């Protein structure tokens, strides 16, 4: 039933649900912020600088430059985006992205859990 599905979803959300905040900054404009829910944090472990879960979290939360960003009023402009964890769940699920999105090949890279 819909009530049972809703109750199950709320239990899952209560255990694993949290929010991530995305901030886009561009020259000459106010920062744009969005908050979205998540149940698991996807961590890209393919990058050569990533040797641990801590490194992967650092990469996820690092400020990145947005190439080819188009502002509706100003056209092409320099911009950056940064994620932050707006809230943490009681149980944090980390999803290690072990597959290459283009080739589908599985990475056998060792990742430290420190």
N, C-alpha and C. Protein backbone atom coordinates (compact mmCIF):
# COMPACT_ATOMS: atom_id res chain seq x y z
N UNK A 1 0.83 -1.19 0.00
CA UNK A 1 0.00 0.00 0.00
C UNK A 1 0.87 1.25 0.00
N UNK A 2 0.28 2.37 -0.34
CA UNK A 2 1.01 3.64 -0.37
C UNK A 2 1.46 4.06 1.02
N UNK A 3 0.64 3.78 2.03
CA UNK A 3 0.99 4.14 3.41
C UNK A 3 2.20 3.35 3.88
N UNK A 4 2.26 2.07 3.56
CA UNK A 4 3.41 1.23 3.94
C UNK A 4 4.66 1.69 3.22
N UNK A 5 4.55 2.02 1.94
CA UNK A 5 5.70 2.50 1.17
C UNK A 5 6.20 3.83 1.73
N UNK A 6 5.27 4.70 2.10
CA UNK A 6 5.65 5.99 2.69
C UNK A 6 6.34 5.83 4.03
N UNK A 7 5.85 4.90 4.84
CA UNK A 7 6.46 4.63 6.15
C UNK A 7 7.86 4.06 5.98
N UNK A 8 8.02 3.13 5.02
CA UNK A 8 9.34 2.55 4.76
C UNK A 8 10.30 3.63 4.26
N UNK A 9 9.81 4.50 3.36
CA UNK A 9 10.66 5.57 2.83
C UNK A 9 11.07 6.53 3.95
N UNK A 10 10.17 6.82 4.87
CA UNK A 10 10.51 7.75 5.95
C UNK A 10 11.51 7.12 6.92
N UNK A 11 11.44 5.80 7.12
CA UNK A 11 12.42 5.13 7.98
C UNK A 11 13.79 5.18 7.32
N UNK A 12 13.85 4.91 6.01
CA UNK A 12 15.11 4.98 5.27
C UNK A 12 15.66 6.40 5.32
N UNK A 13 14.80 7.38 5.08
CA UNK A 13 15.23 8.79 5.12
C UNK A 13 15.74 9.18 6.50
N UNK A 14 15.07 8.69 7.54
CA UNK A 14 15.48 9.02 8.90
C UNK A 14 16.86 8.43 9.22
N UNK A 15 17.16 7.27 8.69
CA UNK A 15 18.45 6.61 8.95
C UNK A 15 19.57 7.12 8.06
N UNK A 16 19.27 7.28 6.76
CA UNK A 16 20.32 7.54 5.77
C UNK A 16 20.22 8.91 5.09
N UNK A 17 19.13 9.63 5.30
CA UNK A 17 18.89 10.87 4.57
C UNK A 17 19.60 12.07 5.16
N UNK A 18 20.12 12.90 4.28
CA UNK A 18 20.76 14.15 4.67
C UNK A 18 20.70 15.12 3.48
N UNK A 19 21.41 16.24 3.58
CA UNK A 19 21.36 17.24 2.51
C UNK A 19 22.75 17.69 2.13
N UNK A 20 22.95 17.93 0.83
CA UNK A 20 24.19 18.48 0.31
C UNK A 20 23.86 19.85 -0.29
N UNK A 21 24.76 20.80 -0.08
CA UNK A 21 24.57 22.17 -0.57
C UNK A 21 25.55 22.42 -1.70
N UNK A 22 25.05 22.98 -2.78
CA UNK A 22 25.86 23.33 -3.95
C UNK A 22 25.85 24.85 -4.10
N UNK A 23 27.03 25.45 -4.20
CA UNK A 23 27.13 26.90 -4.36
C UNK A 23 27.91 27.19 -5.65
N UNK A 24 27.30 27.98 -6.53
CA UNK A 24 27.95 28.42 -7.77
C UNK A 24 28.29 29.89 -7.59
N UNK A 25 29.56 30.20 -7.80
CA UNK A 25 30.02 31.59 -7.71
C UNK A 25 30.52 32.04 -9.08
N UNK A 26 30.15 33.27 -9.46
CA UNK A 26 30.63 33.84 -10.71
C UNK A 26 30.96 35.30 -10.50
N UNK A 27 31.87 35.78 -11.30
CA UNK A 27 32.35 37.16 -11.17
C UNK A 27 31.20 38.15 -11.34
N UNK A 28 31.12 39.11 -10.42
CA UNK A 28 30.15 40.19 -10.53
C UNK A 28 28.71 39.81 -10.23
N UNK A 29 28.49 38.67 -9.59
CA UNK A 29 27.12 38.26 -9.29
C UNK A 29 27.07 37.61 -7.91
N UNK A 30 25.89 37.60 -7.34
CA UNK A 30 25.71 36.94 -6.05
C UNK A 30 25.82 35.43 -6.24
N UNK A 31 26.27 34.75 -5.22
CA UNK A 31 26.38 33.30 -5.27
C UNK A 31 24.99 32.68 -5.38
N UNK A 32 24.92 31.57 -6.11
CA UNK A 32 23.68 30.83 -6.28
C UNK A 32 23.79 29.53 -5.47
N UNK A 33 22.81 29.26 -4.61
CA UNK A 33 22.88 28.11 -3.72
C UNK A 33 21.67 27.21 -3.94
N UNK A 34 21.92 25.90 -3.89
CA UNK A 34 20.85 24.90 -3.97
C UNK A 34 21.14 23.82 -2.94
N UNK A 35 20.12 23.32 -2.29
CA UNK A 35 20.26 22.24 -1.32
C UNK A 35 19.46 21.05 -1.83
N UNK A 36 20.10 19.88 -1.84
CA UNK A 36 19.44 18.68 -2.35
C UNK A 36 19.59 17.54 -1.35
N UNK A 37 18.60 16.67 -1.28
CA UNK A 37 18.72 15.51 -0.39
C UNK A 37 19.61 14.44 -0.99
N UNK A 38 20.19 13.61 -0.12
CA UNK A 38 20.94 12.44 -0.59
C UNK A 38 20.77 11.31 0.41
N UNK A 39 20.89 10.09 -0.08
CA UNK A 39 20.88 8.91 0.76
C UNK A 39 22.26 8.26 0.81
N UNK A 40 23.09 8.52 -0.20
CA UNK A 40 24.46 7.99 -0.27
C UNK A 40 25.32 9.03 -0.98
N UNK A 41 26.57 9.14 -0.57
CA UNK A 41 27.51 10.06 -1.22
C UNK A 41 28.35 9.27 -2.22
N UNK A 42 28.27 9.62 -3.51
CA UNK A 42 29.10 8.94 -4.50
C UNK A 42 30.52 9.51 -4.49
N UNK A 43 31.51 8.67 -4.29
CA UNK A 43 32.90 9.10 -4.23
C UNK A 43 33.67 8.54 -5.41
N UNK A 44 34.25 9.43 -6.21
CA UNK A 44 35.05 9.02 -7.37
C UNK A 44 36.45 8.66 -6.88
N UNK A 45 36.83 7.40 -7.03
CA UNK A 45 38.14 6.97 -6.55
C UNK A 45 39.15 6.85 -7.69
N UNK A 46 38.74 7.15 -8.93
CA UNK A 46 39.62 6.98 -10.08
C UNK A 46 40.75 8.01 -10.14
N UNK A 47 40.54 9.19 -9.58
CA UNK A 47 41.54 10.25 -9.67
C UNK A 47 42.84 9.81 -9.03
N UNK A 48 43.96 10.17 -9.65
CA UNK A 48 45.28 9.75 -9.15
C UNK A 48 45.60 10.29 -7.76
N UNK A 49 44.99 11.41 -7.37
CA UNK A 49 45.25 11.97 -6.03
C UNK A 49 44.48 11.25 -4.93
N UNK A 50 43.57 10.36 -5.30
CA UNK A 50 42.74 9.68 -4.32
C UNK A 50 43.37 8.36 -3.91
N UNK A 51 43.77 8.28 -2.63
CA UNK A 51 44.33 7.05 -2.08
C UNK A 51 43.51 6.56 -0.89
N UNK A 52 42.56 7.39 -0.43
CA UNK A 52 41.77 7.03 0.74
C UNK A 52 40.37 7.63 0.61
N UNK A 53 39.48 7.17 1.48
CA UNK A 53 38.13 7.72 1.52
C UNK A 53 38.20 9.21 1.86
N UNK A 54 39.10 9.58 2.74
CA UNK A 54 39.26 11.00 3.10
C UNK A 54 39.65 11.83 1.86
N UNK A 55 40.58 11.30 1.05
CA UNK A 55 40.98 11.99 -0.18
C UNK A 55 39.78 12.15 -1.12
N UNK A 56 38.98 11.08 -1.26
CA UNK A 56 37.82 11.13 -2.15
C UNK A 56 36.79 12.14 -1.66
N UNK A 57 36.58 12.21 -0.36
CA UNK A 57 35.68 13.23 0.20
C UNK A 57 36.22 14.63 -0.08
N UNK A 58 37.54 14.80 0.05
CA UNK A 58 38.15 16.09 -0.24
C UNK A 58 37.93 16.50 -1.69
N UNK A 59 38.06 15.55 -2.61
CA UNK A 59 37.82 15.83 -4.04
C UNK A 59 36.36 16.20 -4.29
N UNK A 60 35.44 15.49 -3.63
CA UNK A 60 34.01 15.76 -3.80
C UNK A 60 33.67 17.17 -3.32
N UNK A 61 34.29 17.60 -2.23
CA UNK A 61 33.95 18.89 -1.61
C UNK A 61 34.85 20.04 -2.06
N UNK A 62 35.82 19.77 -2.92
CA UNK A 62 36.74 20.82 -3.39
C UNK A 62 36.03 21.74 -4.38
N UNK A 63 36.45 22.98 -4.40
CA UNK A 63 35.91 23.94 -5.37
C UNK A 63 36.42 23.56 -6.76
N UNK A 64 35.52 23.55 -7.74
CA UNK A 64 35.91 23.23 -9.11
C UNK A 64 35.54 24.38 -10.04
N UNK A 65 36.40 24.63 -11.02
CA UNK A 65 36.12 25.66 -12.01
C UNK A 65 35.18 25.09 -13.06
N UNK A 66 34.17 25.84 -13.45
CA UNK A 66 33.20 25.40 -14.45
C UNK A 66 33.59 25.96 -15.81
N UNK A 67 34.01 25.09 -16.68
CA UNK A 67 34.42 25.51 -18.03
C UNK A 67 33.17 25.76 -18.87
N UNK A 68 33.18 26.86 -19.61
CA UNK A 68 32.08 27.17 -20.51
C UNK A 68 30.78 27.53 -19.81
N UNK A 69 30.86 28.10 -18.62
CA UNK A 69 29.64 28.48 -17.88
C UNK A 69 28.98 29.65 -18.58
N UNK A 70 27.68 29.56 -18.82
CA UNK A 70 26.92 30.61 -19.49
C UNK A 70 25.94 31.24 -18.51
N UNK A 71 26.08 32.54 -18.31
CA UNK A 71 25.13 33.30 -17.51
C UNK A 71 24.05 33.83 -18.44
N UNK A 72 22.79 33.80 -17.99
CA UNK A 72 21.69 34.25 -18.86
C UNK A 72 21.84 35.70 -19.30
N UNK A 73 22.37 36.53 -18.43
CA UNK A 73 22.50 37.96 -18.75
C UNK A 73 23.86 38.32 -19.32
N UNK A 74 24.92 37.74 -18.76
CA UNK A 74 26.28 38.15 -19.12
C UNK A 74 26.94 37.25 -20.17
N UNK A 75 26.32 36.14 -20.52
CA UNK A 75 26.93 35.22 -21.48
C UNK A 75 28.01 34.39 -20.80
N UNK A 76 29.04 34.04 -21.54
CA UNK A 76 30.13 33.22 -20.99
C UNK A 76 30.86 33.99 -19.90
N UNK A 77 31.07 33.34 -18.77
CA UNK A 77 31.74 33.98 -17.64
C UNK A 77 32.47 32.93 -16.81
N UNK A 78 33.47 33.37 -16.06
CA UNK A 78 34.19 32.46 -15.17
C UNK A 78 33.31 32.13 -13.98
N UNK A 79 33.28 30.86 -13.62
CA UNK A 79 32.44 30.43 -12.50
C UNK A 79 33.08 29.23 -11.83
N UNK A 80 32.71 29.05 -10.56
CA UNK A 80 33.17 27.87 -9.82
C UNK A 80 32.00 27.30 -9.05
N UNK A 81 32.12 26.01 -8.71
CA UNK A 81 31.07 25.31 -7.97
C UNK A 81 31.73 24.58 -6.82
N UNK A 82 31.06 24.61 -5.66
CA UNK A 82 31.57 23.88 -4.50
C UNK A 82 30.42 23.24 -3.75
N UNK A 83 30.62 21.97 -3.41
CA UNK A 83 29.65 21.23 -2.61
C UNK A 83 30.06 21.26 -1.15
N UNK A 84 29.08 21.23 -0.27
CA UNK A 84 29.33 21.07 1.16
C UNK A 84 28.21 20.21 1.72
N UNK A 85 28.49 19.59 2.83
CA UNK A 85 27.48 18.75 3.47
C UNK A 85 26.65 19.63 4.40
N UNK A 86 25.41 19.89 4.00
CA UNK A 86 24.53 20.75 4.79
C UNK A 86 24.09 20.04 6.06
N UNK A 87 23.98 18.71 5.99
CA UNK A 87 23.64 17.91 7.16
C UNK A 87 24.19 16.51 6.95
N UNK A 88 24.38 15.81 8.05
CA UNK A 88 24.86 14.42 8.01
C UNK A 88 23.78 13.50 8.57
N UNK A 89 23.66 12.31 8.00
CA UNK A 89 22.67 11.36 8.51
C UNK A 89 23.23 10.58 9.69
N UNK A 90 22.37 9.89 10.44
CA UNK A 90 22.86 9.02 11.51
C UNK A 90 23.79 7.92 10.97
N UNK A 91 23.46 7.41 9.76
CA UNK A 91 24.29 6.40 9.11
C UNK A 91 24.70 6.94 7.75
N UNK A 92 25.99 7.18 7.57
CA UNK A 92 26.49 7.74 6.32
C UNK A 92 26.89 6.61 5.38
N UNK A 93 26.29 6.60 4.19
CA UNK A 93 26.60 5.60 3.17
C UNK A 93 27.49 6.25 2.13
N UNK A 94 28.66 5.64 1.90
CA UNK A 94 29.59 6.12 0.89
C UNK A 94 29.60 5.13 -0.27
N UNK A 95 29.33 5.61 -1.46
CA UNK A 95 29.30 4.78 -2.65
C UNK A 95 30.61 5.00 -3.41
N UNK A 96 31.49 4.01 -3.40
CA UNK A 96 32.76 4.12 -4.11
C UNK A 96 32.53 3.81 -5.58
N UNK A 97 32.76 4.80 -6.41
CA UNK A 97 32.55 4.64 -7.85
C UNK A 97 33.75 3.89 -8.44
N UNK A 98 33.62 2.57 -8.57
CA UNK A 98 34.71 1.70 -9.00
C UNK A 98 34.69 1.40 -10.49
N UNK A 99 33.69 1.89 -11.21
CA UNK A 99 33.58 1.61 -12.64
C UNK A 99 33.80 2.87 -13.45
N UNK A 100 34.57 2.75 -14.53
CA UNK A 100 34.81 3.86 -15.44
C UNK A 100 33.51 4.14 -16.19
N UNK A 101 33.03 5.40 -16.19
CA UNK A 101 31.74 5.69 -16.82
C UNK A 101 31.76 5.52 -18.34
N UNK A 102 32.94 5.62 -18.97
CA UNK A 102 33.01 5.49 -20.42
C UNK A 102 33.20 4.05 -20.88
N UNK A 103 34.16 3.36 -20.27
CA UNK A 103 34.47 2.00 -20.71
C UNK A 103 33.71 0.93 -19.94
N UNK A 104 33.26 1.25 -18.74
CA UNK A 104 32.59 0.25 -17.91
C UNK A 104 33.56 -0.68 -17.19
N UNK A 105 34.87 -0.43 -17.36
CA UNK A 105 35.88 -1.28 -16.73
C UNK A 105 35.91 -1.03 -15.23
N UNK A 106 36.05 -2.10 -14.47
CA UNK A 106 36.11 -2.00 -13.02
C UNK A 106 37.52 -1.66 -12.57
N UNK A 107 37.63 -0.73 -11.65
CA UNK A 107 38.92 -0.37 -11.07
C UNK A 107 39.22 -1.29 -9.90
N UNK A 108 40.45 -1.79 -9.84
CA UNK A 108 40.87 -2.64 -8.73
C UNK A 108 41.80 -1.88 -7.80
N UNK A 109 41.69 -0.56 -7.85
CA UNK A 109 42.53 0.32 -7.04
C UNK A 109 42.25 0.10 -5.55
N UNK A 110 43.32 0.03 -4.76
CA UNK A 110 43.18 -0.06 -3.32
C UNK A 110 42.88 1.32 -2.76
N UNK A 111 41.88 1.40 -1.90
CA UNK A 111 41.49 2.66 -1.26
C UNK A 111 41.51 2.45 0.25
N UNK A 112 42.29 3.27 0.96
CA UNK A 112 42.38 3.16 2.41
C UNK A 112 41.13 3.76 3.06
N UNK A 113 40.67 3.14 4.13
CA UNK A 113 39.51 3.64 4.87
C UNK A 113 39.98 4.34 6.12
N UNK A 114 40.67 5.45 5.94
CA UNK A 114 41.14 6.21 7.08
C UNK A 114 40.58 7.61 7.04
